[in-house]
Amino acid sequence: MKGIVFVLHGRRNRIARGNFAAVEQLVPLLEKNGFLCRIGLLEGDHQTLEAALTQLQELGVTEYLLVPVLLFGATHFKQDLPERTQKILGEAKVQLLAPLGTTQAIYQSLKQQLMINLAEKPGTRGLLIAHGTPHYQEPAVELQQIAAKMSQETGDQILAANYIGSNDYQSFLTAHPEERFVIQPFFLTHGHLVEKISQWIKENHLPMDVILPTLEESPALVEALKERLVEAGCIPS
């Protein structure tokens, strides 16, 4: 029997309903194709990753597919998720899909959102701000590649910065005090960090900067999950 665990970041004081809703749209199709599905959170004490894995194990699942509802492969993806899974499942067969940040669905959605807003604000540049990490290089490289590709395809200059790690957004914006940006928070939820970033920008940079919505309520999240599940052979294209 095969089981799927959608792995969300989670948090202690708020559930990202938009992320849950995206997953829930796909569950009927997956169950129709013979999969048992659960949601597991990496943070907080509710609906944990361990609880989801244990539930599937008790139902007789022998093959597991982990679908990270995460954008980039940082510490949660590379360390927490495999280590915590191994503690519950031991040597069971487990397949881990790639994060969602490099899917075409998310790329096209963010590119379109930036293009529309840049066209409405002549003289501005685009700025993607992701979470970042000081521990791994891949997320920063992927983010820069996404920004460069968007610049090439749109004809607009789209740059990238991180909340933490290399090329942090505060240093970047401080180095460009007179420039106006259309800022795209590259986050799955509009939570504490996005609020913190937005507040700093409003207090320390030009008030004419535009800050766009996160992916929390975006239809692109469902399409990104479909994209990964099609690649894994779980649902038809």
Protein backbone atom coordinates (compact mmCIF):
# COMPACT_ATOMS: atom_id res chain seq x y z
CA MET A 1 0.00 0.00 0.00
CA LYS A 2 1.23 3.49 -0.88
CA GLY A 3 0.93 6.65 1.19
CA ILE A 4 1.61 10.34 0.58
CA VAL A 5 2.52 12.86 3.25
CA PHE A 6 2.31 16.52 2.29
CA VAL A 7 4.93 18.17 4.48
CA LEU A 8 4.13 21.76 5.45
CA HIS A 9 6.35 24.07 7.46
CA GLY A 10 3.71 24.81 10.09
CA ARG A 11 4.06 27.20 12.98
CA ARG A 12 3.08 27.33 16.60
CA ASN A 13 0.48 30.09 16.50
CA ARG A 14 -1.14 29.99 13.06
CA ILE A 15 -2.11 27.46 10.40
CA ALA A 16 -1.69 28.58 6.78
CA ARG A 17 -5.19 27.81 5.54
CA GLY A 18 -4.29 28.57 1.93
CA ASN A 19 -1.58 25.93 1.96
CA PHE A 20 -3.93 23.38 3.54
CA ALA A 21 -6.62 24.19 0.98
CA ALA A 22 -4.19 23.63 -1.90
CA VAL A 23 -3.33 20.17 -0.60
CA GLU A 24 -6.95 19.29 0.08
CA GLN A 25 -7.88 20.01 -3.54
CA LEU A 26 -5.57 17.20 -4.66
CA VAL A 27 -6.43 14.55 -2.08
CA PRO A 28 -9.57 13.16 -3.84
CA LEU A 29 -7.65 12.60 -7.08
CA LEU A 30 -4.79 10.89 -5.24
CA GLU A 31 -7.13 8.69 -3.24
CA LYS A 32 -8.87 7.72 -6.48
CA ASN A 33 -5.45 6.59 -7.74
CA GLY A 34 -4.96 4.39 -4.69
CA PHE A 35 -2.93 6.60 -2.33
CA LEU A 36 -3.62 7.23 1.34
CA CYS A 37 -2.87 10.89 2.13
CA ARG A 38 -1.96 12.84 5.23
CA ILE A 39 -0.60 16.29 6.09
CA GLY A 40 2.39 16.56 8.43
CA LEU A 41 3.76 19.78 9.94
CA LEU A 42 7.44 20.35 10.65
CA GLU A 43 6.83 22.91 13.38
CA GLY A 44 4.27 23.08 16.18
CA ASP A 45 2.57 20.36 18.19
CA HIS A 46 -0.51 19.91 16.00
CA GLN A 47 -0.74 17.46 13.09
CA THR A 48 2.98 16.73 13.18
CA LEU A 49 5.05 14.92 10.58
CA GLU A 50 5.54 12.07 13.05
CA ALA A 51 1.79 11.73 13.60
CA ALA A 52 1.11 11.60 9.85
CA LEU A 53 3.75 8.94 9.25
CA THR A 54 2.59 6.85 12.20
CA GLN A 55 -1.03 6.97 11.03
CA LEU A 56 -0.09 5.70 7.59
CA GLN A 57 2.17 3.05 9.07
CA GLU A 58 -0.69 1.76 11.24
CA LEU A 59 -2.93 1.59 8.17
CA GLY A 60 -0.48 -0.77 6.48
CA VAL A 61 1.36 1.61 4.17
CA THR A 62 4.67 0.17 3.00
CA GLU A 63 5.76 2.76 0.41
CA TYR A 64 5.86 6.47 1.23
CA LEU A 65 6.01 9.57 -0.91
CA LEU A 66 6.91 12.83 0.85
CA VAL A 67 5.72 15.98 -0.89
CA PRO A 68 7.39 19.05 0.64
CA VAL A 69 5.16 22.12 0.55
CA LEU A 70 8.36 24.14 0.82
CA LEU A 71 10.06 26.41 -1.70
CA PHE A 72 13.76 25.63 -1.44
CA GLY A 73 16.00 22.85 -0.17
CA ALA A 74 17.39 24.24 3.08
CA THR A 75 17.71 22.74 6.58
CA HIS A 76 14.12 21.49 6.91
CA PHE A 77 14.38 19.70 3.57
CA LYS A 78 17.92 18.39 3.79
CA GLN A 79 18.15 17.51 7.50
CA ASP A 80 14.94 17.65 9.53
CA LEU A 81 12.68 15.86 7.09
CA PRO A 82 14.88 12.82 6.30
CA GLU A 83 16.10 12.42 9.89
CA ARG A 84 12.63 12.58 11.45
CA THR A 85 11.19 10.30 8.78
CA GLN A 86 13.88 7.68 9.32
CA LYS A 87 13.20 7.62 13.05
CA ILE A 88 9.57 6.64 12.43
CA LEU A 89 9.85 4.48 9.32
CA GLY A 90 13.28 2.91 9.66
CA GLU A 91 14.19 1.16 6.42
CA ALA A 92 10.79 1.53 4.74
CA LYS A 93 10.74 2.64 1.12
CA VAL A 94 10.56 6.46 1.04
CA GLN A 95 10.65 8.83 -1.94
CA LEU A 96 11.21 12.54 -1.34
CA LEU A 97 10.07 14.96 -4.03
CA ALA A 98 11.81 18.25 -4.80
CA PRO A 99 10.62 21.53 -3.24
CA LEU A 100 8.28 23.77 -5.20
CA GLY A 101 10.32 26.92 -5.78
CA THR A 102 11.68 25.81 -9.15
CA THR A 103 8.37 24.59 -10.61
CA GLN A 104 7.13 26.18 -13.80
CA ALA A 105 3.79 26.91 -12.13
CA ILE A 106 5.30 29.14 -9.46
CA TYR A 107 7.83 30.69 -11.83
CA GLN A 108 5.17 31.73 -14.33
CA SER A 109 2.85 33.05 -11.62
CA LEU A 110 5.50 35.26 -10.02
CA LYS A 111 6.80 36.43 -13.38
CA GLN A 112 3.31 37.46 -14.48
CA GLN A 113 2.64 39.27 -11.22
CA LEU A 114 5.91 41.19 -11.49
CA MET A 115 5.39 42.03 -15.18
CA ILE A 116 1.95 43.54 -14.54
CA ASN A 117 3.13 45.66 -11.63
CA LEU A 118 6.38 46.77 -13.27
CA ALA A 119 4.41 47.93 -16.31
CA GLU A 120 2.23 50.05 -14.03
CA LYS A 121 5.25 51.60 -12.28
CA PRO A 122 7.71 52.92 -14.90
CA GLY A 123 11.23 53.36 -13.61
CA THR A 124 11.00 50.59 -11.02
CA ARG A 125 12.88 47.32 -10.85
CA GLY A 126 11.70 43.97 -9.56
CA LEU A 127 13.08 42.37 -6.41
CA LEU A 128 12.46 38.81 -5.29
CA ILE A 129 13.00 38.31 -1.54
CA ALA A 130 13.22 34.72 -0.32
CA HIS A 131 13.92 33.29 3.12
CA GLY A 132 17.50 32.27 2.40
CA THR A 133 19.83 30.19 4.53
CA PRO A 134 23.41 30.53 5.81
CA HIS A 135 23.92 26.76 5.63
CA TYR A 136 23.47 25.78 1.97
CA GLN A 137 24.37 27.42 -1.34
CA GLU A 138 21.71 25.82 -3.56
CA PRO A 139 18.75 28.03 -2.55
CA ALA A 140 20.68 31.24 -3.22
CA VAL A 141 21.89 29.91 -6.57
CA GLU A 142 18.39 28.82 -7.58
CA LEU A 143 16.95 32.18 -6.57
CA GLN A 144 19.51 34.08 -8.65
CA GLN A 145 18.85 31.80 -11.61
CA ILE A 146 15.11 32.46 -11.35
CA ALA A 147 15.64 36.24 -11.22
CA ALA A 148 18.05 36.15 -14.16
CA LYS A 149 15.65 34.09 -16.26
CA MET A 150 12.76 36.44 -15.47
CA SER A 151 14.90 39.44 -16.45
CA GLN A 152 15.81 37.83 -19.75
CA GLU A 153 12.25 36.81 -20.59
CA THR A 154 10.49 40.02 -19.53
CA GLY A 155 13.02 42.67 -20.50
CA ASP A 156 12.73 44.12 -17.00
CA GLN A 157 15.55 44.06 -14.49
CA ILE A 158 14.56 41.64 -11.74
CA LEU A 159 16.97 41.14 -8.87
CA ALA A 160 17.01 38.87 -5.83
CA ALA A 161 17.84 39.06 -2.13
CA ASN A 162 17.33 36.96 1.01
CA TYR A 163 15.96 37.47 4.49
CA ILE A 164 19.00 35.67 5.93
CA GLY A 165 22.19 34.33 4.43
CA SER A 166 24.05 35.82 1.50
CA ASN A 167 22.85 39.05 -0.12
CA ASP A 168 20.40 39.96 2.65
CA TYR A 169 17.59 42.33 1.70
CA GLN A 170 18.45 45.03 4.25
CA SER A 171 21.99 45.41 2.94
CA PHE A 172 20.73 45.29 -0.65
CA LEU A 173 18.09 48.00 -0.17
CA THR A 174 20.42 50.15 1.94
CA ALA A 175 22.87 50.07 -0.97
CA HIS A 176 20.08 51.31 -3.31
CA PRO A 177 18.49 54.11 -1.25
CA GLU A 178 17.09 56.13 -4.15
CA GLU A 179 15.70 53.31 -6.28
CA ARG A 180 12.10 52.15 -6.34
CA PHE A 181 11.27 48.45 -6.43
CA VAL A 182 8.32 46.18 -6.98
CA ILE A 183 9.03 43.63 -4.29
CA GLN A 184 7.84 40.03 -4.55
CA PRO A 185 8.09 38.12 -1.25
CA PHE A 186 9.01 34.59 -2.37
CA PHE A 187 7.19 32.91 0.53
CA LEU A 188 4.37 30.37 0.80
CA THR A 189 2.66 32.22 3.64
CA HIS A 190 2.12 35.79 4.72
CA GLY A 191 3.39 35.26 8.24
CA HIS A 192 5.64 36.89 10.80
CA LEU A 193 8.72 37.07 8.57
CA VAL A 194 6.93 38.69 5.65
CA GLU A 195 5.38 41.22 8.04
CA LYS A 196 8.82 41.91 9.48
CA ILE A 197 10.33 42.39 6.02
CA SER A 198 7.47 44.64 4.91
CA GLN A 199 7.70 46.79 8.02
CA TRP A 200 11.46 47.26 7.68
CA ILE A 201 11.08 48.28 4.04
CA LYS A 202 8.33 50.79 4.84
CA GLU A 203 10.45 52.34 7.61
CA ASN A 204 13.83 52.30 5.88
CA HIS A 205 13.31 52.56 2.14
CA LEU A 206 11.27 54.68 -0.24
CA PRO A 207 7.56 54.62 0.59
CA MET A 208 6.81 54.18 -3.13
CA ASP A 209 8.05 50.59 -3.08
CA VAL A 210 5.29 48.10 -3.92
CA ILE A 211 5.09 44.86 -1.94
CA LEU A 212 3.15 42.10 -3.68
CA PRO A 213 1.22 39.19 -2.11
CA THR A 214 2.93 35.93 -1.19
CA LEU A 215 1.94 32.59 -2.71
CA GLU A 216 -0.34 31.71 0.22
CA GLU A 217 -3.62 32.17 -1.66
CA SER A 218 -2.25 31.68 -5.17
CA PRO A 219 -3.72 29.06 -7.53
CA ALA A 220 -0.12 28.47 -8.60
CA LEU A 221 0.46 26.50 -5.41
CA VAL A 222 -2.03 23.83 -6.49
CA GLU A 223 -0.49 23.75 -9.96
CA ALA A 224 3.02 23.45 -8.51
CA LEU A 225 1.96 20.46 -6.40
CA LYS A 226 0.33 18.89 -9.46
CA GLU A 227 3.55 19.44 -11.39
CA ARG A 228 5.60 17.52 -8.84
CA LEU A 229 2.99 14.75 -8.55
CA VAL A 230 2.86 14.32 -12.34
CA GLU A 231 6.66 14.09 -12.43
CA ALA A 232 6.46 11.34 -9.78
CA GLY A 233 3.84 9.42 -11.77
CA CYS A 234 1.14 9.81 -9.11
CA ILE A 235 -1.42 11.58 -11.29
CA PRO A 236 -1.84 11.94 -15.05
CA SER A 237 -0.63 15.07 -16.78
